[in-house]
Protein backbone atom coordinates (compact mmCIF):
# COMPACT_ATOMS: atom_id res chain seq x y z
CA UNK A 1 -8.18 -38.75 -42.42
CA UNK A 2 -11.02 -39.48 -39.97
CA UNK A 3 -8.91 -42.21 -38.32
CA UNK A 4 -5.83 -40.02 -37.99
CA UNK A 5 -4.74 -39.20 -34.42
CA UNK A 6 -4.47 -35.58 -35.60
CA UNK A 7 -8.04 -35.29 -36.93
CA UNK A 8 -10.21 -32.48 -35.46
CA UNK A 9 -12.71 -35.01 -34.10
CA UNK A 10 -10.03 -36.93 -32.22
CA UNK A 11 -8.63 -33.72 -30.78
CA UNK A 12 -12.09 -32.81 -29.45
CA UNK A 13 -12.42 -36.19 -27.76
CA UNK A 14 -8.99 -36.01 -26.15
CA UNK A 15 -8.96 -32.44 -24.86
CA UNK A 16 -10.35 -29.46 -26.69
CA UNK A 17 -8.37 -26.28 -25.88
CA UNK A 18 -11.50 -24.14 -26.30
CA UNK A 19 -13.54 -26.38 -24.00
CA UNK A 20 -10.80 -26.40 -21.36
CA UNK A 21 -10.74 -22.61 -21.33
CA UNK A 22 -14.51 -22.46 -20.87
CA UNK A 23 -14.24 -24.92 -17.98
CA UNK A 24 -11.54 -22.79 -16.35
CA UNK A 25 -13.77 -19.75 -16.65
CA UNK A 26 -16.68 -21.61 -15.07
CA UNK A 27 -14.50 -22.92 -12.21
CA UNK A 28 -12.98 -19.53 -11.37
CA UNK A 29 -12.73 -18.39 -7.77
CA UNK A 30 -15.49 -15.87 -8.53
CA UNK A 31 -18.94 -17.03 -9.61
CA UNK A 32 -19.42 -15.18 -12.91
CA UNK A 33 -22.37 -15.84 -15.17
CA UNK A 34 -21.39 -16.70 -18.78
CA UNK A 35 -21.33 -13.51 -20.82
CA UNK A 36 -22.07 -13.88 -24.52
CA UNK A 37 -20.67 -10.98 -26.53
CA UNK A 38 -19.60 -10.55 -30.13
CA UNK A 39 -16.02 -9.92 -28.96
CA UNK A 40 -15.77 -13.26 -27.14
CA UNK A 41 -17.43 -15.11 -30.03
CA UNK A 42 -14.92 -13.59 -32.46
CA UNK A 43 -11.92 -14.79 -30.45
CA UNK A 44 -13.43 -18.26 -29.94
CA UNK A 45 -14.15 -18.60 -33.68
CA UNK A 46 -10.60 -17.53 -34.54
CA UNK A 47 -9.11 -20.08 -32.13
CA UNK A 48 -11.36 -22.82 -33.54
CA UNK A 49 -10.37 -21.95 -37.13
CA UNK A 50 -6.64 -21.99 -36.34
CA UNK A 51 -6.96 -25.34 -34.54
CA UNK A 52 -8.76 -26.86 -37.53
CA UNK A 53 -5.96 -25.67 -39.84
CA UNK A 54 -3.32 -27.17 -37.56
CA UNK A 55 -5.18 -30.50 -37.48
CA UNK A 56 -5.60 -30.46 -41.26
CA UNK A 57 -1.90 -29.83 -41.91
CA UNK A 58 -0.61 -32.34 -39.37
CA UNK A 59 -2.95 -35.07 -40.65
CA UNK A 60 -1.14 -35.07 -44.05
CA UNK A 61 1.77 -37.04 -42.63
CA UNK A 62 5.38 -35.90 -42.45
CA UNK A 63 5.70 -32.11 -42.51
CA UNK A 64 7.97 -30.15 -44.82
CA UNK A 65 9.64 -26.88 -43.83
CA UNK A 66 6.83 -24.73 -45.21
CA UNK A 67 4.19 -26.72 -43.31
CA UNK A 68 6.19 -26.56 -40.09
CA UNK A 69 6.48 -22.77 -40.46
CA UNK A 70 2.75 -22.50 -41.11
CA UNK A 71 1.94 -24.62 -38.03
CA UNK A 72 4.30 -22.46 -35.96
CA UNK A 73 2.58 -19.27 -37.15
CA UNK A 74 -0.86 -20.72 -36.44
CA UNK A 75 0.23 -21.66 -32.92
CA UNK A 76 1.38 -18.08 -32.37
CA UNK A 77 -2.03 -16.82 -33.53
CA UNK A 78 -3.74 -19.22 -31.14
CA UNK A 79 -1.52 -17.93 -28.35
CA UNK A 80 -2.42 -14.35 -29.25
CA UNK A 81 -6.16 -15.14 -29.27
CA UNK A 82 -5.83 -16.93 -25.93
CA UNK A 83 -4.06 -13.89 -24.46
CA UNK A 84 -6.85 -11.64 -25.67
CA UNK A 85 -9.39 -13.97 -24.07
CA UNK A 86 -7.44 -13.85 -20.80
CA UNK A 87 -7.41 -10.04 -20.85
CA UNK A 88 -11.14 -10.00 -21.56
CA UNK A 89 -11.75 -12.43 -18.70
CA UNK A 90 -9.70 -10.33 -16.26
CA UNK A 91 -11.77 -7.31 -17.25
CA UNK A 92 -14.99 -9.23 -16.55
CA UNK A 93 -13.59 -10.49 -13.25
CA UNK A 94 -12.69 -6.95 -12.17
CA UNK A 95 -16.20 -5.78 -13.02
CA UNK A 96 -17.63 -8.65 -10.98
CA UNK A 97 -15.53 -7.58 -7.98
CA UNK A 98 -16.73 -3.99 -8.38
CA UNK A 99 -20.35 -5.18 -8.52
CA UNK A 100 -19.84 -7.20 -5.33
CA UNK A 101 -18.37 -4.17 -3.51
CA UNK A 102 -21.24 -1.97 -4.72
CA UNK A 103 -23.69 -4.61 -3.52
CA UNK A 104 -22.09 -4.63 -0.06
CA UNK A 105 -22.26 -0.82 0.08
CA UNK A 106 -25.93 -1.01 -0.92
CA UNK A 107 -26.62 -3.50 1.90
CA UNK A 108 -25.03 -1.08 4.38
CA UNK A 109 -27.24 1.74 3.09
CA UNK A 110 -30.29 -0.55 3.41
CA UNK A 111 -29.32 -1.24 7.02
CA UNK A 112 -29.08 2.51 7.62
CA UNK A 113 -32.49 3.02 6.01
CA UNK A 114 -34.01 0.31 8.23
CA UNK A 115 -32.52 2.01 11.28
CA UNK A 116 -34.03 5.37 10.27
CA UNK A 117 -37.42 3.72 9.63
CA UNK A 118 -37.36 2.08 13.07
CA UNK A 119 -36.41 5.42 14.58
CA UNK A 120 -39.23 7.18 12.71
CA UNK A 121 -41.75 4.58 13.92
CA UNK A 122 -40.55 5.03 17.50
CA UNK A 123 -40.93 8.79 17.18
CA UNK A 124 -44.45 8.46 15.72
CA UNK A 125 -45.47 6.04 18.48
CA UNK A 126 -44.32 8.52 21.10
CA UNK A 127 -45.63 11.56 19.24
CA UNK A 128 -48.25 12.37 21.87
CA UNK A 129 -45.63 12.85 24.58
CA UNK A 130 -45.06 16.56 25.22
CA UNK A 131 -41.83 18.25 26.21
CA UNK A 132 -43.30 18.83 29.69
CA UNK A 133 -43.95 15.08 29.99
CA UNK A 134 -40.34 14.39 29.02
CA UNK A 135 -39.11 16.78 31.69
CA UNK A 136 -41.30 15.03 34.29
CA UNK A 137 -39.90 11.65 33.23
CA UNK A 138 -36.37 12.98 33.44
CA UNK A 139 -35.67 12.43 29.75
CA UNK A 140 -34.89 8.73 30.11
CA UNK A 141 -34.01 8.51 26.39
CA UNK A 142 -31.24 11.07 26.84
CA UNK A 143 -27.89 9.34 26.31
CA UNK A 144 -25.62 9.47 29.33
CA UNK A 145 -22.31 7.64 28.79
CA UNK A 146 -20.68 5.90 31.73
CA UNK A 147 -18.60 8.23 33.84
CA UNK A 148 -15.35 6.39 33.07
CA UNK A 149 -11.91 7.95 32.89
CA UNK A 150 -9.49 6.72 30.28
CA UNK A 151 -5.88 7.08 29.23
CA UNK A 152 -4.54 6.18 25.79
CA UNK A 153 -1.03 4.71 25.53
CA UNK A 154 0.81 4.46 22.21
CA UNK A 155 4.30 3.17 21.32
CA UNK A 156 6.79 5.60 19.79
CA UNK A 157 7.84 2.70 17.56
CA UNK A 158 4.98 2.47 15.04
CA UNK A 159 5.89 -1.16 14.26
CA UNK A 160 4.86 -2.40 17.71
CA UNK A 161 1.49 -4.13 18.10
CA UNK A 162 -1.23 -3.43 20.66
CA UNK A 163 -0.46 -6.76 22.35
CA UNK A 164 3.20 -5.76 22.80
CA UNK A 165 2.16 -2.38 24.22
CA UNK A 166 -0.26 -4.04 26.64
CA UNK A 167 2.41 -6.48 27.92
CA UNK A 168 4.91 -3.63 28.37
CA UNK A 169 2.42 -1.52 30.38
CA UNK A 170 1.45 -4.47 32.58
CA UNK A 171 5.13 -5.15 33.36
CA UNK A 172 5.75 -1.50 34.17
CA UNK A 173 2.71 -0.78 36.37
CA UNK A 174 1.51 -2.90 39.32
CA UNK A 175 -2.12 -1.95 40.19
CA UNK A 176 -1.85 -3.56 43.64
CA UNK A 177 1.18 -1.45 44.55
CA UNK A 178 -0.25 1.91 43.47
CA UNK A 179 -3.86 1.07 44.40
CA UNK A 180 -5.35 1.40 40.91
CA UNK A 181 -8.95 0.57 40.02
CA UNK A 182 -8.92 -0.69 36.42
CA UNK A 183 -12.27 -1.07 34.65
CA UNK A 184 -10.93 -2.43 31.38
CA UNK A 185 -8.14 -2.53 28.80
CA UNK A 186 -8.84 -2.59 25.08
CA UNK A 187 -6.67 -2.50 22.00
CA UNK A 188 -6.85 0.31 19.49
CA UNK A 189 -5.23 1.08 16.16
CA UNK A 190 -1.63 2.26 15.71
CA UNK A 191 -0.41 -0.28 18.26
CA UNK A 192 -2.03 1.44 21.23
CA UNK A 193 -4.21 0.48 24.17
CA UNK A 194 -6.90 2.41 26.05
CA UNK A 195 -7.14 1.81 29.80
CA UNK A 196 -10.43 2.72 31.52
CA UNK A 197 -10.25 3.51 35.24
CA UNK A 198 -12.68 4.10 38.09
CA UNK A 199 -11.50 7.65 38.85
CA UNK A 200 -9.65 10.48 37.18
CA UNK A 201 -6.92 10.12 39.80
CA UNK A 202 -6.33 6.52 38.67
CA UNK A 203 -5.94 7.66 35.06
CA UNK A 204 -3.47 10.36 36.14
CA UNK A 205 -1.37 7.78 38.01
CA UNK A 206 -1.05 5.65 34.87
CA UNK A 207 -0.31 8.69 32.71
CA UNK A 208 2.44 9.92 35.08
CA UNK A 209 3.99 6.45 35.38
CA UNK A 210 4.29 6.12 31.60
CA UNK A 211 5.63 9.66 31.11
CA UNK A 212 8.29 9.23 33.82
CA UNK A 213 9.53 5.92 32.42
CA UNK A 214 11.94 5.31 29.55
CA UNK A 215 9.66 2.72 28.00
CA UNK A 216 9.23 4.31 24.58
CA UNK A 217 5.53 4.89 25.24
CA UNK A 218 3.38 8.02 25.10
CA UNK A 219 0.33 8.51 27.35
CA UNK A 220 -2.48 11.01 26.87
CA UNK A 221 -6.24 11.37 27.13
CA UNK A 222 -7.95 9.55 24.24
CA UNK A 223 -9.37 11.93 21.66
CA UNK A 224 -13.14 11.77 21.37
CA UNK A 225 -15.36 12.36 18.36
CA UNK A 226 -18.17 14.87 18.09
CA UNK A 227 -21.72 13.57 18.67
CA UNK A 228 -23.95 12.80 15.71
CA UNK A 229 -27.68 13.51 15.69
CA UNK A 230 -30.38 12.62 13.18
CA UNK A 231 -33.06 15.16 12.24
CA UNK A 232 -36.04 13.34 10.74
CA UNK A 233 -38.36 14.78 8.07
CA UNK A 234 -36.35 17.76 6.80
CA UNK A 235 -38.01 19.34 3.70
CA UNK A 236 -36.07 18.20 0.61
CA UNK A 237 -36.73 21.55 -1.08
CA UNK A 238 -34.29 23.30 1.30
CA UNK A 239 -30.57 23.45 0.58
CA UNK A 240 -28.05 22.31 3.17
CA UNK A 241 -27.12 25.92 4.01
CA UNK A 242 -30.79 26.91 4.34
CA UNK A 243 -31.35 24.03 6.76
CA UNK A 244 -28.37 25.10 8.89
CA UNK A 245 -29.54 28.73 8.95
CA UNK A 246 -33.02 27.65 10.10
CA UNK A 247 -31.52 25.41 12.79
CA UNK A 248 -29.46 28.33 14.07
CA UNK A 249 -32.08 31.10 13.91
CA UNK A 250 -35.03 29.04 15.18
CA UNK A 251 -33.28 26.80 17.72
CA UNK A 252 -29.78 27.95 18.75
CA UNK A 253 -29.51 31.75 18.58
CA UNK A 254 -31.49 32.40 21.78
CA UNK A 255 -30.32 29.29 23.66
CA UNK A 256 -26.59 29.85 23.04
CA UNK A 257 -26.16 33.58 22.29
CA UNK A 258 -22.35 33.28 22.41
CA UNK A 259 -22.38 31.36 19.10
CA UNK A 260 -22.74 33.51 15.99
CA UNK A 261 -24.22 32.35 12.69
CA UNK A 262 -20.78 32.30 11.05
CA UNK A 263 -19.33 30.28 13.91
CA UNK A 264 -22.28 27.85 13.86
CA UNK A 265 -21.78 27.12 10.16
CA UNK A 266 -18.16 26.12 10.84
CA UNK A 267 -19.12 23.92 13.80
CA UNK A 268 -21.74 21.70 12.13
CA UNK A 269 -20.88 19.09 9.53
CA UNK A 270 -23.17 16.89 7.43
CA UNK A 271 -22.40 13.20 7.92
CA UNK A 272 -24.94 11.96 5.37
CA UNK A 273 -28.57 12.15 4.28
CA UNK A 274 -31.04 9.29 4.01
CA UNK A 275 -34.52 8.76 2.65
CA UNK A 276 -36.26 7.99 -0.63
CA UNK A 277 -34.91 9.84 -3.65
CA UNK A 278 -38.18 11.47 -4.76
CA UNK A 279 -39.60 12.04 -1.28
CA UNK A 280 -40.61 15.51 -0.11
CA UNK A 281 -38.59 15.00 3.08
CA UNK A 282 -35.23 13.47 4.00
CA UNK A 283 -33.23 12.79 7.15
CA UNK A 284 -30.13 14.80 8.07
CA UNK A 285 -27.40 13.07 10.10
CA UNK A 286 -25.10 15.84 11.30
CA UNK A 287 -22.02 16.08 13.48
CA UNK A 288 -22.19 18.83 16.11
CA UNK A 289 -20.31 19.97 19.25
CA UNK A 290 -21.58 18.73 22.63
CA UNK A 291 -23.26 22.01 23.64
CA UNK A 292 -25.23 22.31 20.37
CA UNK A 293 -26.21 18.65 20.55
CA UNK A 294 -27.48 19.14 24.11
CA UNK A 295 -29.52 22.21 23.13
CA UNK A 296 -31.24 20.38 20.26
CA UNK A 297 -31.76 16.98 21.89
CA UNK A 298 -33.20 18.50 25.08
CA UNK A 299 -36.10 20.07 23.14
CA UNK A 300 -36.78 16.74 21.30
CA UNK A 301 -37.68 18.57 18.05
CA UNK A 302 -35.84 20.90 15.69
CA UNK A 303 -37.82 23.71 14.07
CA UNK A 304 -36.89 24.19 10.42
CA UNK A 305 -38.86 26.85 8.54
CA UNK A 306 -42.53 25.72 8.79
CA UNK A 307 -41.64 22.19 9.89
CA UNK A 308 -41.17 20.59 13.31
CA UNK A 309 -38.67 17.74 12.91
CA UNK A 310 -38.02 15.02 15.53
CA UNK A 311 -34.36 14.78 16.58
CA UNK A 312 -32.49 11.93 18.25
CA UNK A 313 -28.93 10.86 18.99
CA UNK A 314 -27.52 8.82 16.12
CA UNK A 315 -25.63 5.86 17.58
CA UNK A 316 -25.83 3.33 14.75
CA UNK A 317 -22.53 1.46 14.61
CA UNK A 318 -21.13 0.32 11.27
CA UNK A 319 -21.34 -3.43 10.60
CA UNK A 320 -19.29 -5.08 7.86
CA UNK A 321 -21.42 -7.17 5.49
CA UNK A 322 -18.45 -9.35 4.54
CA UNK A 323 -17.21 -10.55 7.96
CA UNK A 324 -20.30 -9.44 10.00
CA UNK A 325 -18.13 -7.67 12.61
CA UNK A 326 -18.70 -4.15 13.94
CA UNK A 327 -16.45 -1.13 13.58
CA UNK A 328 -15.68 -1.09 9.85
CA UNK A 329 -17.37 -1.27 6.44
CA UNK A 330 -17.05 -4.02 3.82
CA UNK A 331 -14.91 -1.86 1.53
CA UNK A 332 -12.15 -1.72 4.18
CA UNK A 333 -12.53 -5.34 5.38
CA UNK A 334 -9.37 -7.47 5.43
CA UNK A 335 -11.19 -10.80 5.31
CA UNK A 336 -11.03 -12.67 2.00
CA UNK A 337 -14.05 -14.94 2.47
CA UNK A 338 -17.59 -13.77 3.17
CA UNK A 339 -19.50 -14.76 6.31
CA UNK A 340 -23.23 -15.37 6.04
CA UNK A 341 -25.45 -13.04 8.05
CA UNK A 342 -28.12 -15.75 8.43
CA UNK A 343 -26.43 -19.07 9.26
CA UNK A 344 -23.15 -17.56 10.52
CA UNK A 345 -20.98 -19.84 8.38
CA UNK A 346 -17.94 -18.67 6.41
CA UNK A 347 -17.62 -19.26 2.68
CA UNK A 348 -20.78 -17.70 1.31
CA UNK A 349 -22.83 -14.51 1.56
CA UNK A 350 -26.40 -14.05 2.80
CA UNK A 351 -27.81 -14.08 -0.75
CA UNK A 352 -26.15 -17.46 -1.40
CA UNK A 353 -27.26 -19.11 1.87
CA UNK A 354 -28.89 -22.53 1.47
CA UNK A 355 -30.18 -22.55 5.06
CA UNK A 356 -32.58 -19.61 4.93
CA UNK A 357 -35.37 -21.89 6.11
CA UNK A 358 -33.48 -22.64 9.34
CA UNK A 359 -33.43 -20.46 12.45
CA UNK A 360 -30.94 -17.56 12.24
CA UNK A 361 -27.55 -17.75 13.92
CA UNK A 362 -25.70 -14.55 14.81
CA UNK A 363 -22.34 -14.60 13.01
CA UNK A 364 -20.87 -11.92 15.30
CA UNK A 365 -21.66 -13.70 18.58
CA UNK A 366 -20.76 -17.10 17.11
CA UNK A 367 -17.25 -15.90 16.33
CA UNK A 368 -16.67 -15.03 19.99
CA UNK A 369 -18.30 -18.24 21.30
CA UNK A 370 -21.29 -16.36 22.77
CA UNK A 371 -25.00 -17.33 22.67
CA UNK A 372 -25.97 -16.85 19.03
CA UNK A 373 -29.59 -18.00 18.69
CA UNK A 374 -30.68 -14.66 17.24
CA UNK A 375 -30.42 -12.72 13.99
CA UNK A 376 -27.12 -11.02 13.12
CA UNK A 377 -27.50 -7.31 13.86
CA UNK A 378 -30.59 -7.80 16.03
CA UNK A 379 -31.39 -4.84 18.28
CA UNK A 380 -30.92 -7.08 21.35
CA UNK A 381 -27.71 -8.72 20.07
CA UNK A 382 -25.06 -8.65 22.86
CA UNK A 383 -22.27 -7.97 20.33
CA UNK A 384 -24.20 -5.03 18.88
CA UNK A 385 -24.88 -3.63 22.36
CA UNK A 386 -21.17 -3.86 23.25
CA UNK A 387 -20.28 -2.09 19.98
CA UNK A 388 -22.83 0.65 20.71
CA UNK A 389 -21.57 0.96 24.29
CA UNK A 390 -18.01 1.46 23.02
CA UNK A 391 -19.19 3.93 20.39
CA UNK A 392 -21.16 6.00 22.91
CA UNK A 393 -18.18 6.12 25.27
CA UNK A 394 -15.92 7.28 22.42
CA UNK A 395 -18.09 10.37 21.84
CA UNK A 396 -17.63 13.73 23.54
CA UNK A 397 -20.97 14.21 25.32
CA UNK A 398 -19.46 16.65 27.83
CA UNK A 399 -22.19 18.68 29.51
CA UNK A 400 -24.90 16.11 28.74
């Protein structure tokens, strides 16, 4: 029996079904650590037992009808066990994907925390500067977006791309003929483009040309988002509504008497909070209209109950920790493979990088063939500065 080609030992040498399955699990497209559970062990033991029975029966020589039926039934059982293993593996794989997404979200929150800490340090370092000193200096930290005029152009056909829209506009309008001063053209979602011009008159010329044509395009002023500000060191003991009431009564009511408490509560919106879970203070990032933002930023501090909280514009742009590009988060990223935030190479994440001892290489700048001898996300990174510039110019700072 030991020399039979159907013996269990010979089967193991040739190709063990159980071993092949384990190898497939180990060589999966996702790196998953072996998980030892009673459920997996039960299925593996059942498969092993059925295989031994098959080998035992087939080693007896020619099979009769009863033996053939028994072998057939055992094969079905093996197939059933294998299916159960596959289902279990898919469940583990899905959990691994969820863990990876949660990890990417956590990295984004860590980046936000680092930004708040840097901001807090800056505020502490400049804590001796009075409001009078800021007025004398002209409030150099006060954000003033470029005085550009823009027009947004979108295709009526939602299937058209931004490139197609851009080509159509460039064929339709000749800047040299109508004396236009174009500062830039950039693509936007929904197949549109945004054209920045030197003057408002230039933007009106483009808008009128598009509206008077039968090109299937729509032109309008690009919609802008409300500014976001961060209030540092808000007492954690206060509820969100209590914080808003203090902001209104102690900071806004006298400065902007036309805004009532009820109106104020509908105008402000919490973007998110940050800070340590058990800390006595936290940081409020809120979205406010331009006039309220100006009133709060100009006094450099927000008075909340018995606390004086530093306030700054919040201009942190979102960076994806999968592709390392700005403007979206990892959970909405379309890239399949990760890009390392240290070496800039595609195919692995930062935690898996084997070149951590080498000098950093900015993945964002590298992608666009720009100087990249700096850390990805560095405060002086050209790609980050461009992203922040675009973000600032997409915000409604009217009256700033």
